[in-house]
């Protein structure tokens, strides 16, 4: 019998409710949730379902994770009294888990700073505060856009960026053993607990405003803008920020713009998914709005939906917004030094063609914004920063913080929307009539597949192994050139002629695997047709495996 499971089942520390839940676990769930291996960092921190066990998220596991981070900070900080910001999102028990982490830090005589009586706080603002107040790092209790039964643990270093692999490995090495975490005791040291005033957000607003290019904050920009926070941390603060920029007609989707741990009115909390905007579109149709902004619960990612001149809604991808940001900044922002842009290997390769004609460096990283932030940190002092973006609707438009930032992305997107609207142009016009004719008729898409199984990693790996040996033309128009594994990106790359690529990667945080498609045609319509054929062929191949 599983000894760790029995320990939890018979302990006076676990509640009757938890014991009842544990008794109903299958043998497979017992093996998965109660074992000797601690949780590990993935693409964006540690994420898992909430519930009892050493491999689910609960107060005992959070204490374990916080101890590992506390020992890491104690070893690596040069501060006599290290300071760590502890924040959280809107998920169930996130506030309680945040205080548990603060308690552990205080027991190690590390100053744990909570935000204004432990209120929720957006991820990008946490990153900003680390740099602004010269803190040693941060803990954020969040699982981003994962389902509501998940929670997570993201940790940051003194640069304001998430810890990368080497630091994460060190933190993991300090985790107490799973066999002991139920009975480990941590004593709250109130001398090492502090709070950050809510007004400190105004400092972030001020510095974020200064990074914009053409926005006139004194101009009343009264066109309607629909906004949804998907019940997350940006519910009130992001509209306030945009109001401070002169956008006087922000229309929140009221059913989704209040914090709620059950995401009660959001069919999806992931703004990459079209159904997450169903309610927003109803608001837009009633108010004649042409643009919708949506963020995920921890407010680091922004999605933009716009209506084109044909009255059709367009869900812009992270790649499309990255291209638009890049093009706009190159044309409108003043640069004094050599320029650089940061993106990921699985993002669009059209940026390489833009770089060739505009003479700037493209730095490519693995998936996960921690890697993009690290590249920004390593280069911004010697070169002028353009933008960092990834295909998963995450971007950073300044150097005041080191994580993707929906606040700054929303501000820049609206600046661009206003600028182009005054020229009677939409984002689609700019892409299809200006950018693609100049650099190449590109189309791209990320196709995500969810595996409904506890053995999802094994199933996903089977898919990868199949495509490692797949050397056929994915469609007749694309001639196969190479099939290789990219260690930095941790993905399989299938290369075809004329810059057409197919990449396959396992998710580091969810039971998913993803295909990233880049295709080029000889017109906008042709590239869309080719993309559609590639997607259909991938789905057909998968149906036969």
Protein backbone atom coordinates (compact mmCIF):
# COMPACT_ATOMS: atom_id res chain seq x y z
CA UNK A 1 0.00 0.00 0.00
CA UNK A 2 1.12 3.59 -0.65
CA UNK A 3 2.66 4.74 2.68
CA UNK A 4 2.43 8.47 1.90
CA UNK A 5 -1.25 8.06 1.04
CA UNK A 6 -1.86 6.24 4.33
CA UNK A 7 0.01 8.96 6.21
CA UNK A 8 -2.32 11.63 4.77
CA UNK A 9 -5.43 9.50 5.15
CA UNK A 10 -4.79 8.81 8.85
CA UNK A 11 -3.31 12.17 9.89
CA UNK A 12 -5.10 14.42 12.41
CA UNK A 13 -3.94 17.34 10.23
CA UNK A 14 -6.12 16.48 7.24
CA UNK A 15 -9.79 17.40 7.43
CA UNK A 16 -12.72 15.00 7.26
CA UNK A 17 -13.59 16.50 3.88
CA UNK A 18 -10.08 15.78 2.58
CA UNK A 19 -10.18 12.25 3.99
CA UNK A 20 -13.47 11.60 2.19
CA UNK A 21 -12.00 12.88 -1.05
CA UNK A 22 -8.93 10.67 -0.62
CA UNK A 23 -11.05 7.57 0.02
CA UNK A 24 -12.70 8.12 -3.35
CA UNK A 25 -9.40 8.30 -5.27
CA UNK A 26 -8.74 5.56 -7.79
CA UNK A 27 -5.53 3.57 -7.53
CA UNK A 28 -4.13 5.58 -10.43
CA UNK A 29 -4.97 8.86 -8.67
CA UNK A 30 -3.32 7.61 -5.48
CA UNK A 31 -0.13 6.83 -7.41
CA UNK A 32 -0.26 10.21 -9.14
CA UNK A 33 -1.05 12.39 -6.14
CA UNK A 34 0.99 10.61 -3.43
CA UNK A 35 4.55 9.76 -4.41
CA UNK A 36 8.12 10.56 -3.50
CA UNK A 37 8.81 13.00 -6.33
CA UNK A 38 8.04 16.67 -5.57
CA UNK A 39 6.34 18.86 -8.16
CA UNK A 40 8.65 20.40 -10.76
CA UNK A 41 8.81 23.75 -12.52
CA UNK A 42 7.39 23.83 -16.04
CA UNK A 43 7.05 26.48 -18.72
CA UNK A 44 5.58 29.05 -16.32
CA UNK A 45 6.16 27.93 -12.76
CA UNK A 46 4.46 24.98 -11.11
CA UNK A 47 0.81 24.22 -11.81
CA UNK A 48 -1.38 21.36 -10.65
CA UNK A 49 -4.91 20.57 -9.59
CA UNK A 50 -5.96 21.57 -6.08
CA UNK A 51 -6.63 18.84 -3.55
CA UNK A 52 -4.98 16.62 -0.96
CA UNK A 53 -1.69 14.90 -1.70
CA UNK A 54 1.97 15.66 -2.21
CA UNK A 55 1.45 16.30 -5.93
CA UNK A 56 -1.60 18.52 -5.81
CA UNK A 57 -1.80 22.13 -4.65
CA UNK A 58 -2.69 22.55 -0.97
CA UNK A 59 -1.27 24.45 1.99
CA UNK A 60 1.27 21.74 2.82
CA UNK A 61 2.65 21.66 -0.71
CA UNK A 62 2.78 25.47 -0.82
CA UNK A 63 4.80 25.42 2.40
CA UNK A 64 7.16 22.90 0.80
CA UNK A 65 7.59 25.06 -2.32
CA UNK A 66 8.03 28.23 -0.28
CA UNK A 67 10.74 26.62 1.86
CA UNK A 68 12.69 25.68 -1.26
CA UNK A 69 12.42 29.24 -2.54
CA UNK A 70 13.31 30.69 0.88
CA UNK A 71 16.52 28.65 1.03
CA UNK A 72 17.35 29.72 -2.52
CA UNK A 73 16.88 33.40 -1.61
CA UNK A 74 18.87 33.03 1.59
CA UNK A 75 21.78 31.49 -0.30
CA UNK A 76 21.82 33.87 -3.27
CA UNK A 77 20.67 37.24 -1.94
CA UNK A 78 23.25 39.84 -0.98
CA UNK A 79 20.70 41.66 1.19
CA UNK A 80 21.03 41.42 4.94
CA UNK A 81 17.24 41.08 5.10
CA UNK A 82 15.96 39.85 1.73
CA UNK A 83 12.58 41.20 0.61
CA UNK A 84 10.07 39.13 -1.36
CA UNK A 85 6.72 40.29 -2.72
CA UNK A 86 3.99 37.66 -2.28
CA UNK A 87 0.96 38.09 -4.56
CA UNK A 88 -1.97 36.09 -5.85
CA UNK A 89 -4.76 35.95 -8.41
CA UNK A 90 -8.51 35.32 -8.05
CA UNK A 91 -8.45 31.53 -7.73
CA UNK A 92 -9.92 29.57 -4.86
CA UNK A 93 -7.72 29.76 -1.75
CA UNK A 94 -5.07 31.83 -3.57
CA UNK A 95 -5.13 34.44 -0.78
CA UNK A 96 -4.72 31.73 1.88
CA UNK A 97 -1.91 30.04 -0.06
CA UNK A 98 -0.17 33.41 -0.45
CA UNK A 99 -0.25 33.96 3.30
CA UNK A 100 1.10 30.44 3.90
CA UNK A 101 4.06 31.28 1.66
CA UNK A 102 4.57 34.60 3.46
CA UNK A 103 4.55 32.76 6.79
CA UNK A 104 7.25 30.36 5.60
CA UNK A 105 9.41 33.22 4.29
CA UNK A 106 9.06 35.07 7.61
CA UNK A 107 10.20 31.97 9.48
CA UNK A 108 13.44 32.20 7.48
CA UNK A 109 13.74 35.91 8.43
CA UNK A 110 12.91 37.01 4.90
CA UNK A 111 10.70 40.08 4.64
CA UNK A 112 7.44 38.99 2.98
CA UNK A 113 5.53 41.91 1.46
CA UNK A 114 1.84 41.37 0.71
CA UNK A 115 -0.15 43.78 -1.43
CA UNK A 116 -2.60 46.00 0.48
CA UNK A 117 -4.08 43.59 3.06
CA UNK A 118 -3.38 40.65 0.76
CA UNK A 119 -5.57 41.82 -2.13
CA UNK A 120 -5.08 40.26 -5.54
CA UNK A 121 -2.50 41.80 -7.88
CA UNK A 122 -1.78 41.49 -11.61
CA UNK A 123 1.35 39.57 -12.57
CA UNK A 124 3.02 42.31 -14.68
CA UNK A 125 2.68 44.81 -11.83
CA UNK A 126 4.39 42.33 -9.49
CA UNK A 127 7.32 42.20 -11.91
CA UNK A 128 7.40 46.01 -11.99
CA UNK A 129 7.38 46.31 -8.18
CA UNK A 130 10.37 43.96 -7.88
CA UNK A 131 12.44 46.33 -9.99
CA UNK A 132 10.91 49.56 -8.67
CA UNK A 133 11.52 48.74 -5.02
CA UNK A 134 14.70 46.69 -5.57
CA UNK A 135 13.25 43.53 -4.06
CA UNK A 136 14.97 40.16 -4.18
CA UNK A 137 12.10 38.45 -5.96
CA UNK A 138 8.47 37.44 -5.72
CA UNK A 139 6.05 34.57 -5.34
CA UNK A 140 2.76 34.67 -7.26
CA UNK A 141 -0.02 32.19 -6.52
CA UNK A 142 -1.59 31.76 -9.96
CA UNK A 143 -2.40 29.20 -12.63
CA UNK A 144 -2.99 31.79 -15.35
CA UNK A 145 -5.76 30.55 -17.67
CA UNK A 146 -5.80 26.90 -16.54
CA UNK A 147 -9.18 25.41 -15.48
CA UNK A 148 -10.62 26.60 -12.17
CA UNK A 149 -9.55 23.46 -10.27
CA UNK A 150 -5.87 24.34 -10.86
CA UNK A 151 -3.54 26.60 -8.96
CA UNK A 152 0.13 27.36 -9.25
CA UNK A 153 3.38 28.78 -7.89
CA UNK A 154 5.46 31.25 -9.92
CA UNK A 155 8.69 32.65 -8.53
CA UNK A 156 10.83 35.55 -9.66
CA UNK A 157 14.39 36.75 -9.18
CA UNK A 158 15.65 40.26 -8.53
CA UNK A 159 15.53 41.23 -12.23
CA UNK A 160 11.73 40.97 -12.15
CA UNK A 161 11.77 37.91 -14.40
CA UNK A 162 10.66 34.39 -13.60
CA UNK A 163 13.45 32.07 -12.56
CA UNK A 164 14.94 30.08 -15.44
CA UNK A 165 16.00 26.45 -15.51
CA UNK A 166 19.22 26.63 -13.49
CA UNK A 167 17.61 28.64 -10.69
CA UNK A 168 14.48 26.46 -10.77
CA UNK A 169 16.61 23.32 -10.41
CA UNK A 170 18.36 24.82 -7.40
CA UNK A 171 15.05 25.73 -5.77
CA UNK A 172 13.77 22.20 -6.37
CA UNK A 173 16.88 20.79 -4.69
CA UNK A 174 15.85 22.59 -1.47
CA UNK A 175 12.29 21.24 -1.36
CA UNK A 176 11.65 19.16 1.78
CA UNK A 177 10.97 15.50 1.01
CA UNK A 178 7.37 14.62 0.24
CA UNK A 179 7.27 12.18 3.16
CA UNK A 180 7.74 15.04 5.64
CA UNK A 181 5.70 17.96 4.32
CA UNK A 182 2.49 17.13 6.17
CA UNK A 183 4.10 17.60 9.57
CA UNK A 184 6.65 20.36 8.90
CA UNK A 185 6.03 23.33 11.20
CA UNK A 186 6.63 27.00 10.32
CA UNK A 187 6.15 29.77 12.89
CA UNK A 188 4.87 33.12 11.68
CA UNK A 189 7.33 35.91 12.46
CA UNK A 190 5.20 39.05 12.26
CA UNK A 191 8.31 41.24 12.33
CA UNK A 192 8.98 40.02 8.78
CA UNK A 193 5.50 40.60 7.35
CA UNK A 194 4.78 43.87 5.56
CA UNK A 195 2.28 45.39 3.15
CA UNK A 196 2.53 47.47 -0.01
CA UNK A 197 0.07 50.35 -0.25
CA UNK A 198 -2.58 50.16 -2.99
CA UNK A 199 -1.57 53.63 -4.22
CA UNK A 200 1.75 52.18 -5.37
CA UNK A 201 -0.07 51.03 -8.51
CA UNK A 202 -0.20 54.68 -9.56
CA UNK A 203 3.60 54.60 -9.87
CA UNK A 204 3.25 51.73 -12.31
CA UNK A 205 0.61 53.65 -14.28
CA UNK A 206 2.92 56.66 -14.49
CA UNK A 207 5.94 54.70 -15.71
CA UNK A 208 3.86 52.65 -18.16
CA UNK A 209 2.40 55.85 -19.66
CA UNK A 210 5.90 57.21 -20.26
CA UNK A 211 6.72 54.23 -22.48
CA UNK A 212 4.05 54.99 -25.08
CA UNK A 213 4.94 56.62 -28.41
CA UNK A 214 2.11 58.85 -29.65
CA UNK A 215 -0.58 58.69 -26.97
CA UNK A 216 -1.81 62.13 -25.91
CA UNK A 217 -3.28 61.59 -22.45
CA UNK A 218 -5.02 64.98 -22.61
CA UNK A 219 -6.95 64.06 -25.76
CA UNK A 220 -10.40 62.62 -25.08
CA UNK A 221 -10.57 59.40 -27.07
CA UNK A 222 -14.23 58.46 -26.80
CA UNK A 223 -14.58 55.56 -29.25
CA UNK A 224 -16.14 52.51 -27.54
CA UNK A 225 -13.75 49.83 -26.25
CA UNK A 226 -15.10 46.56 -24.85
CA UNK A 227 -13.03 45.00 -22.08
CA UNK A 228 -13.23 41.63 -20.32
CA UNK A 229 -11.02 40.52 -17.44
CA UNK A 230 -12.42 36.98 -17.25
CA UNK A 231 -12.99 37.45 -13.51
CA UNK A 232 -9.31 38.12 -12.90
CA UNK A 233 -6.85 40.56 -11.40
CA UNK A 234 -7.33 43.26 -14.07
CA UNK A 235 -11.07 43.61 -13.47
CA UNK A 236 -10.84 47.14 -12.09
CA UNK A 237 -7.26 48.32 -12.52
CA UNK A 238 -6.89 47.93 -16.29
CA UNK A 239 -9.94 50.11 -17.09
CA UNK A 240 -8.58 52.66 -14.59
CA UNK A 241 -5.22 52.65 -16.36
CA UNK A 242 -6.79 53.10 -19.79
CA UNK A 243 -8.99 55.91 -18.47
CA UNK A 244 -5.82 57.67 -17.31
CA UNK A 245 -4.59 57.59 -20.93
CA UNK A 246 -7.65 59.49 -22.16
CA UNK A 247 -9.80 56.55 -23.26
CA UNK A 248 -13.10 57.73 -21.81
CA UNK A 249 -15.40 55.04 -23.19
CA UNK A 250 -14.08 51.78 -21.72
CA UNK A 251 -17.08 49.43 -21.48
CA UNK A 252 -16.38 46.53 -19.09
CA UNK A 253 -18.26 43.29 -19.64
CA UNK A 254 -19.84 43.61 -16.21
CA UNK A 255 -20.67 39.90 -15.91
CA UNK A 256 -16.94 39.05 -16.23
CA UNK A 257 -15.23 42.08 -14.67
CA UNK A 258 -15.26 41.14 -11.01
CA UNK A 259 -12.97 38.61 -9.32
CA UNK A 260 -14.52 35.17 -9.02
CA UNK A 261 -12.78 31.87 -8.31
CA UNK A 262 -15.38 29.84 -10.22
CA UNK A 263 -15.11 32.00 -13.37
CA UNK A 264 -18.86 31.89 -13.14
CA UNK A 265 -19.71 33.87 -16.29
CA UNK A 266 -16.72 32.92 -18.46
CA UNK A 267 -17.08 29.80 -20.61
CA UNK A 268 -13.31 29.99 -20.96
CA UNK A 269 -10.78 32.05 -19.03
CA UNK A 270 -8.27 31.67 -21.86
CA UNK A 271 -8.46 34.70 -24.17
CA UNK A 272 -6.80 32.65 -26.92
CA UNK A 273 -10.11 30.82 -27.29
CA UNK A 274 -12.85 32.50 -29.34
CA UNK A 275 -15.70 31.45 -27.05
CA UNK A 276 -14.17 33.56 -24.27
CA UNK A 277 -15.37 36.60 -26.26
CA UNK A 278 -18.98 35.55 -26.92
CA UNK A 279 -20.38 37.90 -24.30
CA UNK A 280 -17.98 40.69 -25.29
CA UNK A 281 -19.24 40.59 -28.87
CA UNK A 282 -22.80 41.10 -27.65
CA UNK A 283 -21.63 44.24 -25.83
CA UNK A 284 -19.77 45.39 -28.96
CA UNK A 285 -22.79 44.92 -31.19
CA UNK A 286 -24.97 46.95 -28.80
CA UNK A 287 -22.48 49.82 -28.59
CA UNK A 288 -21.10 49.74 -32.16
CA UNK A 289 -17.61 49.04 -30.81
CA UNK A 290 -14.92 47.99 -33.27
CA UNK A 291 -12.38 46.67 -30.78
CA UNK A 292 -12.48 44.22 -27.87
CA UNK A 293 -9.68 43.69 -25.34
CA UNK A 294 -9.52 40.55 -23.22
CA UNK A 295 -6.99 39.42 -20.64
CA UNK A 296 -6.40 36.21 -18.75
CA UNK A 297 -6.99 35.95 -14.98
CA UNK A 298 -3.49 36.98 -13.88
CA UNK A 299 -3.49 39.76 -16.51
CA UNK A 300 -0.20 39.07 -18.20
CA UNK A 301 -1.65 38.18 -21.62
CA UNK A 302 -3.79 40.35 -23.89
CA UNK A 303 -6.01 39.28 -26.78
CA UNK A 304 -7.32 41.78 -29.32
CA UNK A 305 -10.49 41.25 -31.37
CA UNK A 306 -11.34 43.82 -34.03
CA UNK A 307 -14.07 44.34 -36.60
CA UNK A 308 -12.78 44.93 -40.12
CA UNK A 309 -14.34 46.99 -42.91
CA UNK A 310 -16.47 44.00 -43.89
CA UNK A 311 -18.06 44.02 -40.41
CA UNK A 312 -16.33 40.71 -39.62
CA UNK A 313 -14.78 40.01 -36.22
CA UNK A 314 -11.10 39.07 -36.38
CA UNK A 315 -9.41 37.30 -33.47
CA UNK A 316 -5.83 38.47 -33.75
CA UNK A 317 -3.21 35.93 -32.75
CA UNK A 318 -0.12 36.64 -30.68
CA UNK A 319 1.91 36.40 -33.87
CA UNK A 320 -0.27 38.92 -35.70
CA UNK A 321 -0.14 41.38 -32.79
CA UNK A 322 3.61 40.86 -32.53
CA UNK A 323 4.00 41.73 -36.20
CA UNK A 324 1.76 44.78 -35.81
CA UNK A 325 3.63 45.98 -32.72
CA UNK A 326 6.95 45.54 -34.49
CA UNK A 327 5.88 47.35 -37.64
CA UNK A 328 4.29 50.24 -35.74
CA UNK A 329 7.25 50.80 -33.43
CA UNK A 330 9.75 50.67 -36.29
CA UNK A 331 7.78 53.33 -38.14
CA UNK A 332 6.95 55.61 -35.21
CA UNK A 333 9.43 55.22 -32.36
CA UNK A 334 12.85 56.86 -32.28
CA UNK A 335 15.80 54.52 -31.76
CA UNK A 336 19.32 55.78 -31.02
CA UNK A 337 21.30 52.55 -30.95
CA UNK A 338 21.32 49.15 -32.59
CA UNK A 339 17.92 47.56 -32.10
CA UNK A 340 16.83 44.14 -30.90
CA UNK A 341 13.59 42.16 -30.70
CA UNK A 342 12.92 39.02 -28.68
CA UNK A 343 10.60 36.21 -29.65
CA UNK A 344 10.37 32.42 -29.44
CA UNK A 345 11.28 29.68 -31.88
CA UNK A 346 7.63 28.67 -32.16
CA UNK A 347 6.47 32.19 -33.05
CA UNK A 348 6.17 33.50 -36.61
CA UNK A 349 9.33 33.54 -38.69
CA UNK A 350 8.04 36.53 -40.68
CA UNK A 351 9.89 38.69 -38.15
CA UNK A 352 13.16 37.43 -39.63
CA UNK A 353 12.24 38.96 -42.97
CA UNK A 354 11.22 42.21 -41.29
CA UNK A 355 14.57 42.26 -39.47
CA UNK A 356 16.53 41.79 -42.70
CA UNK A 357 14.98 44.90 -44.25
CA UNK A 358 15.07 47.04 -41.09
CA UNK A 359 18.47 46.08 -39.71
CA UNK A 360 17.74 44.80 -36.22
CA UNK A 361 18.65 41.68 -34.28
CA UNK A 362 16.11 38.95 -33.58
CA UNK A 363 16.85 36.96 -30.44
CA UNK A 364 14.95 33.67 -30.31
CA UNK A 365 14.33 31.73 -27.12
CA UNK A 366 12.58 28.68 -25.81
CA UNK A 367 8.87 28.79 -24.96
CA UNK A 368 7.98 30.56 -21.73
CA UNK A 369 8.28 34.27 -21.11
CA UNK A 370 11.00 33.69 -18.50
CA UNK A 371 13.37 33.11 -21.43
CA UNK A 372 12.28 36.25 -23.27
CA UNK A 373 12.66 38.29 -20.10
CA UNK A 374 16.15 36.89 -19.58
CA UNK A 375 17.11 37.92 -23.13
CA UNK A 376 15.74 41.44 -22.55
CA UNK A 377 17.73 41.71 -19.33
CA UNK A 378 20.93 40.60 -21.05
CA UNK A 379 20.66 43.06 -23.95
CA UNK A 380 18.75 46.22 -23.02
CA UNK A 381 21.73 48.14 -21.64
CA UNK A 382 23.69 47.91 -24.91
CA UNK A 383 20.89 48.04 -27.50
CA UNK A 384 17.50 49.68 -27.97
CA UNK A 385 14.61 47.37 -27.22
CA UNK A 386 11.76 47.09 -29.74
CA UNK A 387 9.39 44.48 -28.31
CA UNK A 388 9.30 40.94 -26.92
CA UNK A 389 6.41 38.72 -27.91
CA UNK A 390 5.33 35.11 -28.17
CA UNK A 391 2.64 33.43 -30.22
CA UNK A 392 0.55 32.75 -27.10
CA UNK A 393 -0.66 36.41 -26.98
CA UNK A 394 2.04 37.54 -24.57
CA UNK A 395 4.14 40.66 -25.12
CA UNK A 396 6.32 43.19 -23.34
CA UNK A 397 6.63 46.68 -24.80
CA UNK A 398 9.06 48.36 -22.42
CA UNK A 399 11.89 47.66 -20.00
CA UNK A 400 10.13 48.76 -16.79
CA UNK A 401 9.34 45.13 -15.93
CA UNK A 402 10.31 41.63 -17.01
CA UNK A 403 7.14 39.69 -17.74
CA UNK A 404 4.48 39.83 -20.39
CA UNK A 405 2.17 42.70 -19.66
CA UNK A 406 -1.45 43.07 -20.74
CA UNK A 407 -1.65 46.64 -19.40
CA UNK A 408 1.13 47.95 -21.62
CA UNK A 409 0.02 45.78 -24.54
CA UNK A 410 -3.53 47.15 -24.28
CA UNK A 411 -2.25 50.73 -24.16
CA UNK A 412 -0.06 50.25 -27.24
CA UNK A 413 -2.79 48.36 -29.10
CA UNK A 414 -5.23 51.23 -28.49
CA UNK A 415 -2.63 53.81 -29.52
CA UNK A 416 -2.22 51.90 -32.79
CA UNK A 417 -5.96 51.44 -33.22
CA UNK A 418 -6.53 55.18 -32.78
CA UNK A 419 -3.63 56.08 -35.10
CA UNK A 420 -4.78 53.80 -37.91
CA UNK A 421 -8.48 54.62 -37.48
CA UNK A 422 -7.72 58.28 -38.15
CA UNK A 423 -6.32 57.07 -41.49
CA UNK A 424 -9.45 54.94 -42.11
CA UNK A 425 -7.40 51.77 -41.71
CA UNK A 426 -7.94 48.67 -39.58
CA UNK A 427 -5.31 46.29 -38.25
CA UNK A 428 -6.33 43.88 -41.01
CA UNK A 429 -5.67 46.57 -43.63
CA UNK A 430 -2.20 47.16 -42.21
CA UNK A 431 -1.39 43.46 -42.19
CA UNK A 432 -2.80 42.54 -45.59
CA UNK A 433 -2.12 45.71 -47.59
CA UNK A 434 1.12 47.00 -46.10
CA UNK A 435 3.07 44.37 -44.14
CA UNK A 436 2.47 41.14 -46.10
CA UNK A 437 3.04 42.64 -49.58
CA UNK A 438 6.32 44.08 -48.32
CA UNK A 439 7.70 41.10 -46.37
CA UNK A 440 5.81 38.00 -47.48
CA UNK A 441 2.27 36.62 -47.53
CA UNK A 442 2.42 34.73 -44.26
CA UNK A 443 -0.27 32.80 -42.42
CA UNK A 444 0.12 30.98 -39.15
CA UNK A 445 -1.84 29.10 -36.56
CA UNK A 446 -1.37 27.15 -33.35
CA UNK A 447 -3.46 24.00 -33.10
CA UNK A 448 -3.84 22.67 -29.58
CA UNK A 449 -4.94 19.14 -28.64
CA UNK A 450 -6.05 18.25 -25.12
CA UNK A 451 -5.53 14.72 -23.80
CA UNK A 452 -8.17 13.57 -21.33
CA UNK A 453 -6.07 11.05 -19.46
CA UNK A 454 -3.95 10.84 -16.34
CA UNK A 455 -1.26 9.37 -18.61
CA UNK A 456 -1.36 12.41 -20.91
CA UNK A 457 2.41 12.88 -20.99
CA UNK A 458 2.96 9.35 -22.28
CA UNK A 459 0.24 9.77 -24.90
CA UNK A 460 1.65 13.11 -26.06
CA UNK A 461 5.15 11.67 -26.26
CA UNK A 462 3.81 8.91 -28.53
CA UNK A 463 2.58 11.60 -30.93
CA UNK A 464 5.99 13.28 -30.90
CA UNK A 465 7.78 10.01 -31.65
CA UNK A 466 5.52 9.41 -34.64
CA UNK A 467 6.25 12.81 -36.17
CA UNK A 468 9.98 12.48 -35.51
CA UNK A 469 10.04 9.91 -38.29
CA UNK A 470 7.49 11.66 -40.51
CA UNK A 471 9.29 12.80 -43.64
CA UNK A 472 6.42 13.10 -46.13
CA UNK A 473 5.14 16.34 -47.62
CA UNK A 474 2.46 17.64 -45.30
CA UNK A 475 0.67 18.92 -48.42
CA UNK A 476 1.73 18.58 -52.05
CA UNK A 477 2.72 22.27 -52.28
CA UNK A 478 5.34 21.90 -49.52
CA UNK A 479 8.49 19.94 -50.28
CA UNK A 480 10.05 18.27 -47.23
CA UNK A 481 13.58 19.42 -46.35
CA UNK A 482 14.43 18.45 -42.79
CA UNK A 483 13.11 16.95 -39.58
CA UNK A 484 15.03 17.88 -36.39
CA UNK A 485 14.73 18.34 -32.67
CA UNK A 486 15.33 21.86 -31.31
CA UNK A 487 16.77 21.45 -27.81
CA UNK A 488 16.45 25.14 -26.89
CA UNK A 489 12.81 25.31 -27.95
CA UNK A 490 12.15 21.77 -26.71
CA UNK A 491 10.16 21.06 -29.85
CA UNK A 492 10.23 19.06 -33.06
CA UNK A 493 10.79 21.12 -36.20
CA UNK A 494 9.70 19.90 -39.63
CA UNK A 495 11.11 22.19 -42.30
CA UNK A 496 9.75 22.58 -45.83
CA UNK A 497 10.98 24.73 -48.69
CA UNK A 498 10.37 28.49 -48.82
CA UNK A 499 10.34 29.05 -45.02
CA UNK A 500 7.28 26.85 -44.45
CA UNK A 501 7.55 25.14 -41.07
CA UNK A 502 5.64 22.84 -38.76
CA UNK A 503 6.63 22.60 -35.09
CA UNK A 504 5.32 20.19 -32.47
CA UNK A 505 5.71 20.78 -28.75
CA UNK A 506 4.30 19.33 -25.55
CA UNK A 507 2.79 21.85 -23.14
CA UNK A 508 4.82 22.39 -19.99
CA UNK A 509 1.79 23.31 -17.86
CA UNK A 510 -1.26 21.54 -19.27
CA UNK A 511 -2.25 18.10 -20.68
CA UNK A 512 -1.84 19.34 -24.25
CA UNK A 513 0.37 19.14 -27.28
CA UNK A 514 0.53 21.85 -29.89
CA UNK A 515 1.36 22.27 -33.58
CA UNK A 516 2.72 25.65 -34.67
CA UNK A 517 2.23 26.29 -38.40
CA UNK A 518 4.03 28.87 -40.57
CA UNK A 519 3.07 29.00 -44.27
CA UNK A 520 3.75 31.41 -47.13
CA UNK A 521 1.70 31.91 -50.27
CA UNK A 522 1.70 34.27 -53.23
CA UNK A 523 -1.29 36.26 -51.93
CA UNK A 524 -3.28 36.70 -48.73
CA UNK A 525 -5.96 34.34 -49.96
CA UNK A 526 -3.47 31.74 -51.13
CA UNK A 527 -1.62 31.70 -47.79
CA UNK A 528 -4.94 31.24 -45.96
CA UNK A 529 -5.86 28.36 -48.27
CA UNK A 530 -2.51 26.66 -47.69
CA UNK A 531 -2.85 27.08 -43.94
CA UNK A 532 -6.29 25.49 -44.04
CA UNK A 533 -4.96 22.52 -46.04
CA UNK A 534 -2.06 22.00 -43.63
CA UNK A 535 -4.38 22.05 -40.61
CA UNK A 536 -6.79 19.58 -42.21
CA UNK A 537 -3.96 17.24 -43.13
CA UNK A 538 -2.54 17.31 -39.60
CA UNK A 539 -5.92 16.38 -38.17
CA UNK A 540 -6.32 13.59 -40.72
CA UNK A 541 -2.87 12.18 -39.92
CA UNK A 542 -3.60 12.25 -36.18
CA UNK A 543 -6.88 10.41 -36.71
CA UNK A 544 -4.95 7.49 -38.21
CA UNK A 545 -2.18 7.18 -35.63
